[in-house]
Amino acid sequence: MDEKTIFDAIRETVAERTDANMDDIKMESTFRELGIDSLDTVELLMNLEDKLGVTIEVDKKLETVKDLVDFIAAL
């Protein structure tokens, strides 16, 4: 799966959860800046699993959107 597809899915999902403008969600954005806390992260990952058709088991701290894009791309 390519990074653009993953990034677009993350942007869309974060925008739905936080009412943020998709254009404001950048690769370097941190989840904290976007208003995503640890509980939101779990729900975000479940939504992304459904959208992308992958199983995401995070075993390290992901702080930025790029961290998550890279993690999913490596699955």
PDB file of N, CA and C in Angstrom:
ATOM      1  N   MET A   1       0.848  -1.163   0.000  1.00  0.00           N
ATOM      2  CA  MET A   1       0.000   0.000   0.000  1.00  0.00           C
ATOM      3  C   MET A   1       0.906   1.243   0.000  1.00  0.00           C
ATOM      4  N   ASP A   2       0.547   2.226  -0.804  1.00  0.00           N
ATOM      5  CA  ASP A   2       1.424   3.392  -0.927  1.00  0.00           C
ATOM      6  C   ASP A   2       1.138   4.416   0.177  1.00  0.00           C
ATOM      7  N   GLU A   3       2.126   5.252   0.432  1.00  0.00           N
ATOM      8  CA  GLU A   3       2.047   6.224   1.518  1.00  0.00           C
ATOM      9  C   GLU A   3       0.912   7.225   1.322  1.00  0.00           C
ATOM     10  N   LYS A   4       0.638   7.616   0.087  1.00  0.00           N
ATOM     11  CA  LYS A   4      -0.434   8.593  -0.154  1.00  0.00           C
ATOM     12  C   LYS A   4      -1.787   8.020   0.253  1.00  0.00           C
ATOM     13  N   THR A   5      -2.047   6.771  -0.075  1.00  0.00           N
ATOM     14  CA  THR A   5      -3.306   6.124   0.305  1.00  0.00           C
ATOM     15  C   THR A   5      -3.443   6.079   1.820  1.00  0.00           C
ATOM     16  N   ILE A   6      -2.360   5.714   2.487  1.00  0.00           N
ATOM     17  CA  ILE A   6      -2.365   5.628   3.945  1.00  0.00           C
ATOM     18  C   ILE A   6      -2.564   7.016   4.551  1.00  0.00           C
ATOM     19  N   PHE A   7      -1.808   7.991   4.064  1.00  0.00           N
ATOM     20  CA  PHE A   7      -1.906   9.359   4.574  1.00  0.00           C
ATOM     21  C   PHE A   7      -3.317   9.909   4.399  1.00  0.00           C
ATOM     22  N   ASP A   8      -3.905   9.698   3.222  1.00  0.00           N
ATOM     23  CA  ASP A   8      -5.262  10.186   2.969  1.00  0.00           C
ATOM     24  C   ASP A   8      -6.268   9.541   3.919  1.00  0.00           C
ATOM     25  N   ALA A   9      -6.120   8.251   4.184  1.00  0.00           N
ATOM     26  CA  ALA A   9      -7.022   7.552   5.108  1.00  0.00           C
ATOM     27  C   ALA A   9      -6.872   8.104   6.523  1.00  0.00           C
ATOM     28  N   ILE A  10      -5.639   8.361   6.934  1.00  0.00           N
ATOM     29  CA  ILE A  10      -5.398   8.924   8.268  1.00  0.00           C
ATOM     30  C   ILE A  10      -5.992  10.327   8.363  1.00  0.00           C
ATOM     31  N   ARG A  11      -5.737  11.155   7.359  1.00  0.00           N
ATOM     32  CA  ARG A  11      -6.281  12.527   7.357  1.00  0.00           C
ATOM     33  C   ARG A  11      -7.805  12.506   7.455  1.00  0.00           C
ATOM     34  N   GLU A  12      -8.425  11.667   6.662  1.00  0.00           N
ATOM     35  CA  GLU A  12      -9.879  11.587   6.650  1.00  0.00           C
ATOM     36  C   GLU A  12     -10.407  11.142   8.017  1.00  0.00           C
ATOM     37  N   THR A  13      -9.775  10.128   8.594  1.00  0.00           N
ATOM     38  CA  THR A  13     -10.219   9.589   9.875  1.00  0.00           C
ATOM     39  C   THR A  13     -10.010  10.595  11.005  1.00  0.00           C
ATOM     40  N   VAL A  14      -8.863  11.258  11.027  1.00  0.00           N
ATOM     41  CA  VAL A  14      -8.594  12.266  12.054  1.00  0.00           C
ATOM     42  C   VAL A  14      -9.576  13.431  11.917  1.00  0.00           C
ATOM     43  N   ALA A  15      -9.825  13.863  10.690  1.00  0.00           N
ATOM     44  CA  ALA A  15     -10.759  14.971  10.456  1.00  0.00           C
ATOM     45  C   ALA A  15     -12.160  14.619  10.957  1.00  0.00           C
ATOM     46  N   GLU A  16     -12.586  13.382  10.730  1.00  0.00           N
ATOM     47  CA  GLU A  16     -13.896  12.936  11.206  1.00  0.00           C
ATOM     48  C   GLU A  16     -13.965  12.953  12.729  1.00  0.00           C
ATOM     49  N   ARG A  17     -12.890  12.540  13.380  1.00  0.00           N
ATOM     50  CA  ARG A  17     -12.872  12.428  14.842  1.00  0.00           C
ATOM     51  C   ARG A  17     -12.729  13.777  15.534  1.00  0.00           C
ATOM     52  N   THR A  18     -12.044  14.712  14.903  1.00  0.00           N
ATOM     53  CA  THR A  18     -11.704  15.964  15.590  1.00  0.00           C
ATOM     54  C   THR A  18     -12.347  17.198  14.978  1.00  0.00           C
ATOM     55  N   ASP A  19     -13.040  17.049  13.893  1.00  0.00           N
ATOM     56  CA  ASP A  19     -13.604  18.181  13.153  1.00  0.00           C
ATOM     57  C   ASP A  19     -12.524  19.125  12.625  1.00  0.00           C
ATOM     58  N   ALA A  20     -11.301  18.626  12.509  1.00  0.00           N
ATOM     59  CA  ALA A  20     -10.203  19.415  11.939  1.00  0.00           C
ATOM     60  C   ALA A  20     -10.382  19.472  10.422  1.00  0.00           C
ATOM     61  N   ASN A  21      -9.841  20.509   9.828  1.00  0.00           N
ATOM     62  CA  ASN A  21      -9.832  20.632   8.375  1.00  0.00           C
ATOM     63  C   ASN A  21      -8.754  19.693   7.840  1.00  0.00           C
ATOM     64  N   MET A  22      -9.082  18.874   6.852  1.00  0.00           N
ATOM     65  CA  MET A  22      -8.099  17.916   6.317  1.00  0.00           C
ATOM     66  C   MET A  22      -6.831  18.609   5.832  1.00  0.00           C
ATOM     67  N   ASP A  23      -6.953  19.830   5.313  1.00  0.00           N
ATOM     68  CA  ASP A  23      -5.782  20.553   4.821  1.00  0.00           C
ATOM     69  C   ASP A  23      -4.820  20.935   5.950  1.00  0.00           C
ATOM     70  N   ASP A  24      -5.312  20.955   7.187  1.00  0.00           N
ATOM     71  CA  ASP A  24      -4.472  21.302   8.338  1.00  0.00           C
ATOM     72  C   ASP A  24      -3.715  20.090   8.877  1.00  0.00           C
ATOM     73  N   ILE A  25      -4.031  18.913   8.393  1.00  0.00           N
ATOM     74  CA  ILE A  25      -3.386  17.692   8.867  1.00  0.00           C
ATOM     75  C   ILE A  25      -2.222  17.377   7.941  1.00  0.00           C
ATOM     76  N   LYS A  26      -1.029  17.527   8.474  1.00  0.00           N
ATOM     77  CA  LYS A  26       0.208  17.341   7.708  1.00  0.00           C
ATOM     78  C   LYS A  26       0.955  16.110   8.214  1.00  0.00           C
ATOM     79  N   MET A  27       1.933  15.665   7.450  1.00  0.00           N
ATOM     80  CA  MET A  27       2.752  14.522   7.868  1.00  0.00           C
ATOM     81  C   MET A  27       3.440  14.807   9.199  1.00  0.00           C
ATOM     82  N   GLU A  28       3.861  16.049   9.392  1.00  0.00           N
ATOM     83  CA  GLU A  28       4.607  16.386  10.604  1.00  0.00           C
ATOM     84  C   GLU A  28       3.705  16.718  11.792  1.00  0.00           C
ATOM     85  N   SER A  29       2.385  16.717  11.590  1.00  0.00           N
ATOM     86  CA  SER A  29       1.456  17.005  12.690  1.00  0.00           C
ATOM     87  C   SER A  29       1.559  15.920  13.749  1.00  0.00           C
ATOM     88  N   THR A  30       1.581  16.361  15.016  1.00  0.00           N
ATOM     89  CA  THR A  30       1.560  15.374  16.090  1.00  0.00           C
ATOM     90  C   THR A  30       0.108  15.079  16.439  1.00  0.00           C
ATOM     91  N   PHE A  31      -0.118  13.898  16.973  1.00  0.00           N
ATOM     92  CA  PHE A  31      -1.488  13.545  17.364  1.00  0.00           C
ATOM     93  C   PHE A  31      -1.965  14.438  18.499  1.00  0.00           C
ATOM     94  N   ARG A  32      -1.046  14.849  19.358  1.00  0.00           N
ATOM     95  CA  ARG A  32      -1.396  15.765  20.449  1.00  0.00           C
ATOM     96  C   ARG A  32      -1.891  17.094  19.879  1.00  0.00           C
ATOM     97  N   GLU A  33      -1.181  17.636  18.882  1.00  0.00           N
ATOM     98  CA  GLU A  33      -1.604  18.893  18.237  1.00  0.00           C
ATOM     99  C   GLU A  33      -2.990  18.761  17.619  1.00  0.00           C
ATOM    100  N   LEU A  34      -3.293  17.569  17.149  1.00  0.00           N
ATOM    101  CA  LEU A  34      -4.574  17.336  16.476  1.00  0.00           C
ATOM    102  C   LEU A  34      -5.702  17.012  17.459  1.00  0.00           C
ATOM    103  N   GLY A  35      -5.364  16.944  18.743  1.00  0.00           N
ATOM    104  CA  GLY A  35      -6.387  16.668  19.753  1.00  0.00           C
ATOM    105  C   GLY A  35      -6.699  15.193  19.915  1.00  0.00           C
ATOM    106  N   ILE A  36      -5.762  14.341  19.521  1.00  0.00           N
ATOM    107  CA  ILE A  36      -5.951  12.891  19.637  1.00  0.00           C
ATOM    108  C   ILE A  36      -5.234  12.406  20.899  1.00  0.00           C
ATOM    109  N   ASP A  37      -6.003  11.858  21.857  1.00  0.00           N
ATOM    110  CA  ASP A  37      -5.388  11.314  23.067  1.00  0.00           C
ATOM    111  C   ASP A  37      -5.278   9.792  22.941  1.00  0.00           C
ATOM    112  N   SER A  38      -4.850   9.123  24.002  1.00  0.00           N
ATOM    113  CA  SER A  38      -4.604   7.679  23.909  1.00  0.00           C
ATOM    114  C   SER A  38      -5.871   6.882  23.608  1.00  0.00           C
ATOM    115  N   LEU A  39      -7.000   7.265  24.175  1.00  0.00           N
ATOM    116  CA  LEU A  39      -8.251   6.578  23.874  1.00  0.00           C
ATOM    117  C   LEU A  39      -8.656   6.801  22.422  1.00  0.00           C
ATOM    118  N   ASP A  40      -8.512   8.038  21.958  1.00  0.00           N
ATOM    119  CA  ASP A  40      -8.815   8.350  20.557  1.00  0.00           C
ATOM    120  C   ASP A  40      -7.916   7.549  19.619  1.00  0.00           C
ATOM    121  N   THR A  41      -6.670   7.330  20.031  1.00  0.00           N
ATOM    122  CA  THR A  41      -5.724   6.587  19.198  1.00  0.00           C
ATOM    123  C   THR A  41      -6.213   5.172  18.943  1.00  0.00           C
ATOM    124  N   VAL A  42      -6.731   4.525  19.981  1.00  0.00           N
ATOM    125  CA  VAL A  42      -7.250   3.158  19.830  1.00  0.00           C
ATOM    126  C   VAL A  42      -8.390   3.145  18.815  1.00  0.00           C
ATOM    127  N   GLU A  43      -9.319   4.071  18.948  1.00  0.00           N
ATOM    128  CA  GLU A  43     -10.448   4.142  18.024  1.00  0.00           C
ATOM    129  C   GLU A  43      -9.992   4.514  16.613  1.00  0.00           C
ATOM    130  N   LEU A  44      -9.016   5.411  16.529  1.00  0.00           N
ATOM    131  CA  LEU A  44      -8.450   5.799  15.235  1.00  0.00           C
ATOM    132  C   LEU A  44      -7.866   4.574  14.525  1.00  0.00           C
ATOM    133  N   LEU A  45      -7.101   3.779  15.259  1.00  0.00           N
ATOM    134  CA  LEU A  45      -6.481   2.590  14.667  1.00  0.00           C
ATOM    135  C   LEU A  45      -7.530   1.583  14.221  1.00  0.00           C
ATOM    136  N   MET A  46      -8.587   1.404  14.999  1.00  0.00           N
ATOM    137  CA  MET A  46      -9.654   0.472  14.599  1.00  0.00           C
ATOM    138  C   MET A  46     -10.330   0.953  13.319  1.00  0.00           C
ATOM    139  N   ASN A  47     -10.576   2.252  13.221  1.00  0.00           N
ATOM    140  CA  ASN A  47     -11.183   2.805  12.002  1.00  0.00           C
ATOM    141  C   ASN A  47     -10.266   2.624  10.799  1.00  0.00           C
ATOM    142  N   LEU A  48      -8.965   2.846  11.010  1.00  0.00           N
ATOM    143  CA  LEU A  48      -8.002   2.674   9.919  1.00  0.00           C
ATOM    144  C   LEU A  48      -7.900   1.218   9.481  1.00  0.00           C
ATOM    145  N   GLU A  49      -7.995   0.301  10.417  1.00  0.00           N
ATOM    146  CA  GLU A  49      -7.982  -1.118  10.050  1.00  0.00           C
ATOM    147  C   GLU A  49      -9.128  -1.430   9.104  1.00  0.00           C
ATOM    148  N   ASP A  50     -10.310  -0.906   9.417  1.00  0.00           N
ATOM    149  CA  ASP A  50     -11.471  -1.120   8.554  1.00  0.00           C
ATOM    150  C   ASP A  50     -11.285  -0.471   7.188  1.00  0.00           C
ATOM    151  N   LYS A  51     -10.809   0.782   7.161  1.00  0.00           N
ATOM    152  CA  LYS A  51     -10.641   1.506   5.900  1.00  0.00           C
ATOM    153  C   LYS A  51      -9.578   0.891   5.004  1.00  0.00           C
ATOM    154  N   LEU A  52      -8.478   0.451   5.627  1.00  0.00           N
ATOM    155  CA  LEU A  52      -7.328  -0.013   4.849  1.00  0.00           C
ATOM    156  C   LEU A  52      -7.273  -1.529   4.709  1.00  0.00           C
ATOM    157  N   GLY A  53      -8.107  -2.243   5.458  1.00  0.00           N
ATOM    158  CA  GLY A  53      -8.120  -3.702   5.361  1.00  0.00           C
ATOM    159  C   GLY A  53      -6.858  -4.358   5.897  1.00  0.00           C
ATOM    160  N   VAL A  54      -6.281  -3.768   6.954  1.00  0.00           N
ATOM    161  CA  VAL A  54      -5.075  -4.316   7.570  1.00  0.00           C
ATOM    162  C   VAL A  54      -5.296  -4.443   9.075  1.00  0.00           C
ATOM    163  N   THR A  55      -4.468  -5.255   9.711  1.00  0.00           N
ATOM    164  CA  THR A  55      -4.468  -5.349  11.163  1.00  0.00           C
ATOM    165  C   THR A  55      -3.293  -4.530  11.672  1.00  0.00           C
ATOM    166  N   ILE A  56      -3.579  -3.595  12.562  1.00  0.00           N
ATOM    167  CA  ILE A  56      -2.543  -2.700  13.070  1.00  0.00           C
ATOM    168  C   ILE A  56      -2.333  -2.990  14.552  1.00  0.00           C
ATOM    169  N   GLU A  57      -1.186  -3.540  14.877  1.00  0.00           N
ATOM    170  CA  GLU A  57      -0.828  -3.783  16.265  1.00  0.00           C
ATOM    171  C   GLU A  57       0.403  -2.939  16.579  1.00  0.00           C
ATOM    172  N   VAL A  58       0.167  -1.814  17.185  1.00  0.00           N
ATOM    173  CA  VAL A  58       1.245  -0.873  17.466  1.00  0.00           C
ATOM    174  C   VAL A  58       2.000  -1.315  18.703  1.00  0.00           C
ATOM    175  N   ASP A  59       3.314  -1.435  18.558  1.00  0.00           N
ATOM    176  CA  ASP A  59       4.148  -1.861  19.673  1.00  0.00           C
ATOM    177  C   ASP A  59       5.161  -0.796  20.072  1.00  0.00           C
ATOM    178  N   LYS A  60       4.952   0.426  19.551  1.00  0.00           N
ATOM    179  CA  LYS A  60       5.838   1.530  19.916  1.00  0.00           C
ATOM    180  C   LYS A  60       5.045   2.820  19.878  1.00  0.00           C
ATOM    181  N   LYS A  61       5.610   3.861  20.448  1.00  0.00           N
ATOM    182  CA  LYS A  61       4.921   5.146  20.498  1.00  0.00           C
ATOM    183  C   LYS A  61       5.018   5.845  19.150  1.00  0.00           C
ATOM    184  N   LEU A  62       3.881   6.226  18.638  1.00  0.00           N
ATOM    185  CA  LEU A  62       3.811   6.956  17.376  1.00  0.00           C
ATOM    186  C   LEU A  62       3.327   8.365  17.690  1.00  0.00           C
ATOM    187  N   GLU A  63       4.164   9.356  17.428  1.00  0.00           N
ATOM    188  CA  GLU A  63       3.824  10.724  17.811  1.00  0.00           C
ATOM    189  C   GLU A  63       3.289  11.575  16.676  1.00  0.00           C
ATOM    190  N   THR A  64       3.721  11.292  15.455  1.00  0.00           N
ATOM    191  CA  THR A  64       3.293  12.122  14.323  1.00  0.00           C
ATOM    192  C   THR A  64       2.509  11.282  13.314  1.00  0.00           C
ATOM    193  N   VAL A  65       1.824  11.984  12.434  1.00  0.00           N
ATOM    194  CA  VAL A  65       1.104  11.317  11.356  1.00  0.00           C
ATOM    195  C   VAL A  65       2.091  10.513  10.512  1.00  0.00           C
ATOM    196  N   LYS A  66       3.268  11.068  10.246  1.00  0.00           N
ATOM    197  CA  LYS A  66       4.277  10.354   9.451  1.00  0.00           C
ATOM    198  C   LYS A  66       4.715   9.056  10.143  1.00  0.00           C
ATOM    199  N   ASP A  67       4.846   9.084  11.466  1.00  0.00           N
ATOM    200  CA  ASP A  67       5.193   7.861  12.200  1.00  0.00           C
ATOM    201  C   ASP A  67       4.176   6.760  11.907  1.00  0.00           C
ATOM    202  N   LEU A  68       2.902   7.126  11.921  1.00  0.00           N
ATOM    203  CA  LEU A  68       1.845   6.144  11.680  1.00  0.00           C
ATOM    204  C   LEU A  68       1.833   5.704  10.223  1.00  0.00           C
ATOM    205  N   VAL A  69       2.019   6.641   9.293  1.00  0.00           N
ATOM    206  CA  VAL A  69       2.087   6.294   7.863  1.00  0.00           C
ATOM    207  C   VAL A  69       3.206   5.281   7.632  1.00  0.00           C
ATOM    208  N   ASP A  70       4.387   5.576   8.168  1.00  0.00           N
ATOM    209  CA  ASP A  70       5.532   4.683   7.989  1.00  0.00           C
ATOM    210  C   ASP A  70       5.280   3.317   8.620  1.00  0.00           C
ATOM    211  N   PHE A  71       4.666   3.306   9.785  1.00  0.00           N
ATOM    212  CA  PHE A  71       4.375   2.044  10.483  1.00  0.00           C
ATOM    213  C   PHE A  71       3.434   1.183   9.658  1.00  0.00           C
ATOM    214  N   ILE A  72       2.359   1.769   9.157  1.00  0.00           N
ATOM    215  CA  ILE A  72       1.385   1.007   8.370  1.00  0.00           C
ATOM    216  C   ILE A  72       1.998   0.572   7.037  1.00  0.00           C
ATOM    217  N   ALA A  73       2.791   1.424   6.399  1.00  0.00           N
ATOM    218  CA  ALA A  73       3.414   1.089   5.120  1.00  0.00           C
ATOM    219  C   ALA A  73       4.352  -0.105   5.266  1.00  0.00           C
ATOM    220  N   ALA A  74       4.936  -0.286   6.444  1.00  0.00           N
ATOM    221  CA  ALA A  74       5.881  -1.381   6.670  1.00  0.00           C
ATOM    222  C   ALA A  74       5.183  -2.701   6.996  1.00  0.00           C
ATOM    223  N   LEU A  75       3.854  -2.691   7.163  1.00  0.00           N
ATOM    224  CA  LEU A  75       3.141  -3.938   7.493  1.00  0.00           C
ATOM    225  C   LEU A  75       3.158  -4.912   6.350  1.00  0.00           C
TER     226      LEU A  75
END
